[in-house]
Amino acid sequence: VYYCNVVWGLAARARSWGQGTQVTV
């Protein structure tokens, strides 16, 4: 499962995550 991550906010102190998307090979 691949998750998107973002570093943001004042002094880059915030962290957010997506719910994920499945990759199957």
PDB file of all heavy atoms in Angstrom:
ATOM      1  N   VAL A   1       0.862  -1.168   0.000  1.00  0.00           N
ATOM      2  CA  VAL A   1       0.000   0.000   0.000  1.00  0.00           C
ATOM      3  C   VAL A   1       0.902   1.222   0.000  1.00  0.00           C
ATOM      4  O   VAL A   1       1.797   1.340   0.843  1.00  0.00           O
ATOM      5  CB  VAL A   1      -0.950   0.024   1.208  1.00  0.00           C
ATOM      6  CG1 VAL A   1      -1.784   1.306   1.206  1.00  0.00           C
ATOM      7  CG2 VAL A   1      -1.859  -1.199   1.198  1.00  0.00           C
ATOM      8  N   TYR A   2       0.680   2.111  -0.929  1.00  0.00           N
ATOM      9  CA  TYR A   2       1.497   3.305  -1.063  1.00  0.00           C
ATOM     10  C   TYR A   2       0.752   4.501  -0.486  1.00  0.00           C
ATOM     11  O   TYR A   2      -0.418   4.741  -0.807  1.00  0.00           O
ATOM     12  CB  TYR A   2       1.846   3.551  -2.530  1.00  0.00           C
ATOM     13  CG  TYR A   2       2.920   2.624  -3.043  1.00  0.00           C
ATOM     14  CD1 TYR A   2       2.663   1.268  -3.221  1.00  0.00           C
ATOM     15  CD2 TYR A   2       4.194   3.096  -3.336  1.00  0.00           C
ATOM     16  CE1 TYR A   2       3.650   0.406  -3.665  1.00  0.00           C
ATOM     17  CE2 TYR A   2       5.184   2.244  -3.787  1.00  0.00           C
ATOM     18  CZ  TYR A   2       4.907   0.895  -3.949  1.00  0.00           C
ATOM     19  OH  TYR A   2       5.896   0.048  -4.397  1.00  0.00           O
ATOM     20  N   TYR A   3       1.446   5.249   0.366  1.00  0.00           N
ATOM     21  CA  TYR A   3       0.859   6.376   1.070  1.00  0.00           C
ATOM     22  C   TYR A   3       1.546   7.680   0.690  1.00  0.00           C
ATOM     23  O   TYR A   3       2.775   7.754   0.653  1.00  0.00           O
ATOM     24  CB  TYR A   3       0.979   6.201   2.581  1.00  0.00           C
ATOM     25  CG  TYR A   3       0.257   5.003   3.136  1.00  0.00           C
ATOM     26  CD1 TYR A   3       0.895   3.776   3.251  1.00  0.00           C
ATOM     27  CD2 TYR A   3      -1.060   5.106   3.567  1.00  0.00           C
ATOM     28  CE1 TYR A   3       0.232   2.676   3.774  1.00  0.00           C
ATOM     29  CE2 TYR A   3      -1.723   4.016   4.090  1.00  0.00           C
ATOM     30  CZ  TYR A   3      -1.073   2.804   4.193  1.00  0.00           C
ATOM     31  OH  TYR A   3      -1.726   1.715   4.722  1.00  0.00           O
ATOM     32  N   CYS A   4       0.756   8.679   0.457  1.00  0.00           N
ATOM     33  CA  CYS A   4       1.268  10.023   0.232  1.00  0.00           C
ATOM     34  C   CYS A   4       1.499  10.706   1.573  1.00  0.00           C
ATOM     35  O   CYS A   4       0.698  10.560   2.503  1.00  0.00           O
ATOM     36  CB  CYS A   4       0.270  10.821  -0.604  1.00  0.00           C
ATOM     37  SG  CYS A   4       0.768  12.520  -0.968  1.00  0.00           S
ATOM     38  N   ASN A   5       2.585  11.440   1.678  1.00  0.00           N
ATOM     39  CA  ASN A   5       2.933  12.154   2.902  1.00  0.00           C
ATOM     40  C   ASN A   5       3.287  13.592   2.571  1.00  0.00           C
ATOM     41  O   ASN A   5       3.952  13.862   1.572  1.00  0.00           O
ATOM     42  CB  ASN A   5       4.111  11.464   3.598  1.00  0.00           C
ATOM     43  CG  ASN A   5       4.682  12.282   4.736  1.00  0.00           C
ATOM     44  OD1 ASN A   5       5.733  12.912   4.607  1.00  0.00           O
ATOM     45  ND2 ASN A   5       3.994  12.265   5.866  1.00  0.00           N
ATOM     46  N   VAL A   6       2.850  14.505   3.434  1.00  0.00           N
ATOM     47  CA  VAL A   6       3.140  15.920   3.244  1.00  0.00           C
ATOM     48  C   VAL A   6       3.690  16.503   4.535  1.00  0.00           C
ATOM     49  O   VAL A   6       3.126  16.294   5.614  1.00  0.00           O
ATOM     50  CB  VAL A   6       1.897  16.708   2.805  1.00  0.00           C
ATOM     51  CG1 VAL A   6       2.220  18.194   2.696  1.00  0.00           C
ATOM     52  CG2 VAL A   6       1.378  16.182   1.476  1.00  0.00           C
ATOM     53  N   VAL A   7       4.775  17.233   4.428  1.00  0.00           N
ATOM     54  CA  VAL A   7       5.351  17.997   5.528  1.00  0.00           C
ATOM     55  C   VAL A   7       4.994  19.451   5.274  1.00  0.00           C
ATOM     56  O   VAL A   7       5.320  19.991   4.220  1.00  0.00           O
ATOM     57  CB  VAL A   7       6.874  17.809   5.604  1.00  0.00           C
ATOM     58  CG1 VAL A   7       7.467  18.674   6.712  1.00  0.00           C
ATOM     59  CG2 VAL A   7       7.216  16.349   5.827  1.00  0.00           C
ATOM     60  N   TRP A   8       4.364  20.090   6.257  1.00  0.00           N
ATOM     61  CA  TRP A   8       3.838  21.413   6.009  1.00  0.00           C
ATOM     62  C   TRP A   8       3.684  22.204   7.304  1.00  0.00           C
ATOM     63  O   TRP A   8       4.011  21.737   8.384  1.00  0.00           O
ATOM     64  CB  TRP A   8       2.488  21.311   5.288  1.00  0.00           C
ATOM     65  CG  TRP A   8       1.412  20.634   6.091  1.00  0.00           C
ATOM     66  CD1 TRP A   8       1.285  19.294   6.346  1.00  0.00           C
ATOM     67  CD2 TRP A   8       0.317  21.263   6.746  1.00  0.00           C
ATOM     68  NE1 TRP A   8       0.185  19.057   7.120  1.00  0.00           N
ATOM     69  CE2 TRP A   8      -0.441  20.257   7.378  1.00  0.00           C
ATOM     70  CE3 TRP A   8      -0.110  22.592   6.853  1.00  0.00           C
ATOM     71  CZ2 TRP A   8      -1.587  20.535   8.112  1.00  0.00           C
ATOM     72  CZ3 TRP A   8      -1.255  22.867   7.582  1.00  0.00           C
ATOM     73  CH2 TRP A   8      -1.981  21.846   8.191  1.00  0.00           C
ATOM     74  N   GLY A   9       3.187  23.423   7.166  1.00  0.00           N
ATOM     75  CA  GLY A   9       2.833  24.248   8.299  1.00  0.00           C
ATOM     76  C   GLY A   9       3.969  25.115   8.807  1.00  0.00           C
ATOM     77  O   GLY A   9       5.042  25.213   8.205  1.00  0.00           O
ATOM     78  N   LEU A  10       3.712  25.745   9.930  1.00  0.00           N
ATOM     79  CA  LEU A  10       4.705  26.596  10.560  1.00  0.00           C
ATOM     80  C   LEU A  10       5.933  25.783  10.943  1.00  0.00           C
ATOM     81  O   LEU A  10       5.824  24.761  11.616  1.00  0.00           O
ATOM     82  CB  LEU A  10       4.123  27.285  11.791  1.00  0.00           C
ATOM     83  CG  LEU A  10       2.967  28.250  11.533  1.00  0.00           C
ATOM     84  CD1 LEU A  10       2.429  28.766  12.855  1.00  0.00           C
ATOM     85  CD2 LEU A  10       3.411  29.403  10.648  1.00  0.00           C
ATOM     86  N   ALA A  11       7.079  26.246  10.491  1.00  0.00           N
ATOM     87  CA  ALA A  11       8.342  25.559  10.749  1.00  0.00           C
ATOM     88  C   ALA A  11       8.319  24.106  10.281  1.00  0.00           C
ATOM     89  O   ALA A  11       9.074  23.280  10.793  1.00  0.00           O
ATOM     90  CB  ALA A  11       8.700  25.638  12.227  1.00  0.00           C
ATOM     91  N   ALA A  12       7.447  23.808   9.314  1.00  0.00           N
ATOM     92  CA  ALA A  12       7.343  22.464   8.741  1.00  0.00           C
ATOM     93  C   ALA A  12       7.139  21.410   9.821  1.00  0.00           C
ATOM     94  O   ALA A  12       7.742  20.334   9.777  1.00  0.00           O
ATOM     95  CB  ALA A  12       8.577  22.159   7.901  1.00  0.00           C
ATOM     96  N   ARG A  13       6.301  21.720  10.780  1.00  0.00           N
ATOM     97  CA  ARG A  13       6.082  20.807  11.897  1.00  0.00           C
ATOM     98  C   ARG A  13       4.883  19.892  11.726  1.00  0.00           C
ATOM     99  O   ARG A  13       4.721  18.940  12.491  1.00  0.00           O
ATOM    100  CB  ARG A  13       5.924  21.608  13.191  1.00  0.00           C
ATOM    101  CG  ARG A  13       7.205  22.277  13.664  1.00  0.00           C
ATOM    102  CD  ARG A  13       6.981  23.087  14.917  1.00  0.00           C
ATOM    103  NE  ARG A  13       6.154  24.263  14.668  1.00  0.00           N
ATOM    104  CZ  ARG A  13       5.862  25.175  15.590  1.00  0.00           C
ATOM    105  NH1 ARG A  13       6.331  25.039  16.827  1.00  0.00           N
ATOM    106  NH2 ARG A  13       5.108  26.212  15.290  1.00  0.00           N
ATOM    107  N   ALA A  14       4.052  20.139  10.744  1.00  0.00           N
ATOM    108  CA  ALA A  14       2.863  19.330  10.536  1.00  0.00           C
ATOM    109  C   ALA A  14       3.149  18.182   9.578  1.00  0.00           C
ATOM    110  O   ALA A  14       3.957  18.303   8.651  1.00  0.00           O
ATOM    111  CB  ALA A  14       1.724  20.189   9.995  1.00  0.00           C
ATOM    112  N   ARG A  15       2.464  17.087   9.813  1.00  0.00           N
ATOM    113  CA  ARG A  15       2.589  15.893   8.974  1.00  0.00           C
ATOM    114  C   ARG A  15       1.194  15.375   8.651  1.00  0.00           C
ATOM    115  O   ARG A  15       0.352  15.253   9.539  1.00  0.00           O
ATOM    116  CB  ARG A  15       3.376  14.791   9.687  1.00  0.00           C
ATOM    117  CG  ARG A  15       4.755  15.204  10.182  1.00  0.00           C
ATOM    118  CD  ARG A  15       5.741  15.317   9.040  1.00  0.00           C
ATOM    119  NE  ARG A  15       7.099  15.544   9.528  1.00  0.00           N
ATOM    120  CZ  ARG A  15       7.623  16.734   9.817  1.00  0.00           C
ATOM    121  NH1 ARG A  15       6.888  17.827   9.666  1.00  0.00           N
ATOM    122  NH2 ARG A  15       8.878  16.827  10.247  1.00  0.00           N
ATOM    123  N   SER A  16       0.958  15.061   7.395  1.00  0.00           N
ATOM    124  CA  SER A  16      -0.321  14.511   6.979  1.00  0.00           C
ATOM    125  C   SER A  16      -0.103  13.300   6.096  1.00  0.00           C
ATOM    126  O   SER A  16       0.895  13.209   5.374  1.00  0.00           O
ATOM    127  CB  SER A  16      -1.158  15.555   6.237  1.00  0.00           C
ATOM    128  OG  SER A  16      -1.532  16.613   7.092  1.00  0.00           O
ATOM    129  N   TRP A  17      -1.061  12.386   6.152  1.00  0.00           N
ATOM    130  CA  TRP A  17      -0.994  11.138   5.399  1.00  0.00           C
ATOM    131  C   TRP A  17      -2.276  10.900   4.628  1.00  0.00           C
ATOM    132  O   TRP A  17      -3.373  11.208   5.100  1.00  0.00           O
ATOM    133  CB  TRP A  17      -0.777   9.953   6.348  1.00  0.00           C
ATOM    134  CG  TRP A  17       0.525   9.977   7.064  1.00  0.00           C
ATOM    135  CD1 TRP A  17       0.810  10.572   8.249  1.00  0.00           C
ATOM    136  CD2 TRP A  17       1.746   9.354   6.630  1.00  0.00           C
ATOM    137  NE1 TRP A  17       2.120  10.375   8.591  1.00  0.00           N
ATOM    138  CE2 TRP A  17       2.719   9.629   7.614  1.00  0.00           C
ATOM    139  CE3 TRP A  17       2.100   8.599   5.515  1.00  0.00           C
ATOM    140  CZ2 TRP A  17       4.031   9.167   7.510  1.00  0.00           C
ATOM    141  CZ3 TRP A  17       3.394   8.144   5.407  1.00  0.00           C
ATOM    142  CH2 TRP A  17       4.345   8.424   6.400  1.00  0.00           C
ATOM    143  N   GLY A  18      -2.121  10.322   3.447  1.00  0.00           N
ATOM    144  CA  GLY A  18      -3.277   9.861   2.715  1.00  0.00           C
ATOM    145  C   GLY A  18      -3.719   8.502   3.208  1.00  0.00           C
ATOM    146  O   GLY A  18      -3.091   7.889   4.076  1.00  0.00           O
ATOM    147  N   GLN A  19      -4.815   8.022   2.658  1.00  0.00           N
ATOM    148  CA  GLN A  19      -5.357   6.736   3.074  1.00  0.00           C
ATOM    149  C   GLN A  19      -4.668   5.550   2.412  1.00  0.00           C
ATOM    150  O   GLN A  19      -4.815   4.418   2.866  1.00  0.00           O
ATOM    151  CB  GLN A  19      -6.856   6.687   2.786  1.00  0.00           C
ATOM    152  CG  GLN A  19      -7.665   7.650   3.644  1.00  0.00           C
ATOM    153  CD  GLN A  19      -7.522   7.343   5.115  1.00  0.00           C
ATOM    154  OE1 GLN A  19      -7.783   6.216   5.555  1.00  0.00           O
ATOM    155  NE2 GLN A  19      -7.111   8.339   5.893  1.00  0.00           N
ATOM    156  N   GLY A  20      -3.934   5.799   1.359  1.00  0.00           N
ATOM    157  CA  GLY A  20      -3.177   4.755   0.704  1.00  0.00           C
ATOM    158  C   GLY A  20      -3.849   4.224  -0.544  1.00  0.00           C
ATOM    159  O   GLY A  20      -5.070   4.251  -0.674  1.00  0.00           O
ATOM    160  N   THR A  21      -3.035   3.744  -1.453  1.00  0.00           N
ATOM    161  CA  THR A  21      -3.526   3.106  -2.661  1.00  0.00           C
ATOM    162  C   THR A  21      -2.743   1.816  -2.880  1.00  0.00           C
ATOM    163  O   THR A  21      -1.519   1.784  -2.735  1.00  0.00           O
ATOM    164  CB  THR A  21      -3.414   4.046  -3.879  1.00  0.00           C
ATOM    165  OG1 THR A  21      -3.992   3.423  -5.029  1.00  0.00           O
ATOM    166  CG2 THR A  21      -1.962   4.417  -4.186  1.00  0.00           C
ATOM    167  N   GLN A  22      -3.452   0.758  -3.196  1.00  0.00           N
ATOM    168  CA  GLN A  22      -2.839  -0.562  -3.310  1.00  0.00           C
ATOM    169  C   GLN A  22      -2.135  -0.724  -4.652  1.00  0.00           C
ATOM    170  O   GLN A  22      -2.708  -0.440  -5.706  1.00  0.00           O
ATOM    171  CB  GLN A  22      -3.900  -1.654  -3.159  1.00  0.00           C
ATOM    172  CG  GLN A  22      -3.362  -3.077  -3.334  1.00  0.00           C
ATOM    173  CD  GLN A  22      -2.483  -3.516  -2.194  1.00  0.00           C
ATOM    174  OE1 GLN A  22      -2.841  -3.345  -1.025  1.00  0.00           O
ATOM    175  NE2 GLN A  22      -1.313  -4.080  -2.520  1.00  0.00           N
ATOM    176  N   VAL A  23      -0.908  -1.193  -4.583  1.00  0.00           N
ATOM    177  CA  VAL A  23      -0.147  -1.572  -5.771  1.00  0.00           C
ATOM    178  C   VAL A  23       0.189  -3.050  -5.655  1.00  0.00           C
ATOM    179  O   VAL A  23       0.820  -3.470  -4.682  1.00  0.00           O
ATOM    180  CB  VAL A  23       1.142  -0.751  -5.919  1.00  0.00           C
ATOM    181  CG1 VAL A  23       2.014  -1.305  -7.045  1.00  0.00           C
ATOM    182  CG2 VAL A  23       0.807   0.714  -6.168  1.00  0.00           C
ATOM    183  N   THR A  24      -0.243  -3.822  -6.622  1.00  0.00           N
ATOM    184  CA  THR A  24       0.026  -5.252  -6.631  1.00  0.00           C
ATOM    185  C   THR A  24       0.739  -5.615  -7.923  1.00  0.00           C
ATOM    186  O   THR A  24       0.237  -5.337  -9.015  1.00  0.00           O
ATOM    187  CB  THR A  24      -1.267  -6.066  -6.508  1.00  0.00           C
ATOM    188  OG1 THR A  24      -1.955  -5.708  -5.306  1.00  0.00           O
ATOM    189  CG2 THR A  24      -0.962  -7.556  -6.475  1.00  0.00           C
ATOM    190  N   VAL A  25       1.898  -6.222  -7.786  1.00  0.00           N
ATOM    191  CA  VAL A  25       2.698  -6.638  -8.935  1.00  0.00           C
ATOM    192  C   VAL A  25       2.723  -8.162  -8.943  1.00  0.00           C
ATOM    193  O   VAL A  25       3.339  -8.788  -8.075  1.00  0.00           O
ATOM    194  CB  VAL A  25       4.119  -6.080  -8.877  1.00  0.00           C
ATOM    195  CG1 VAL A  25       4.883  -6.442 -10.140  1.00  0.00           C
ATOM    196  CG2 VAL A  25       4.082  -4.560  -8.685  1.00  0.00           C
TER     197      VAL A  25
END
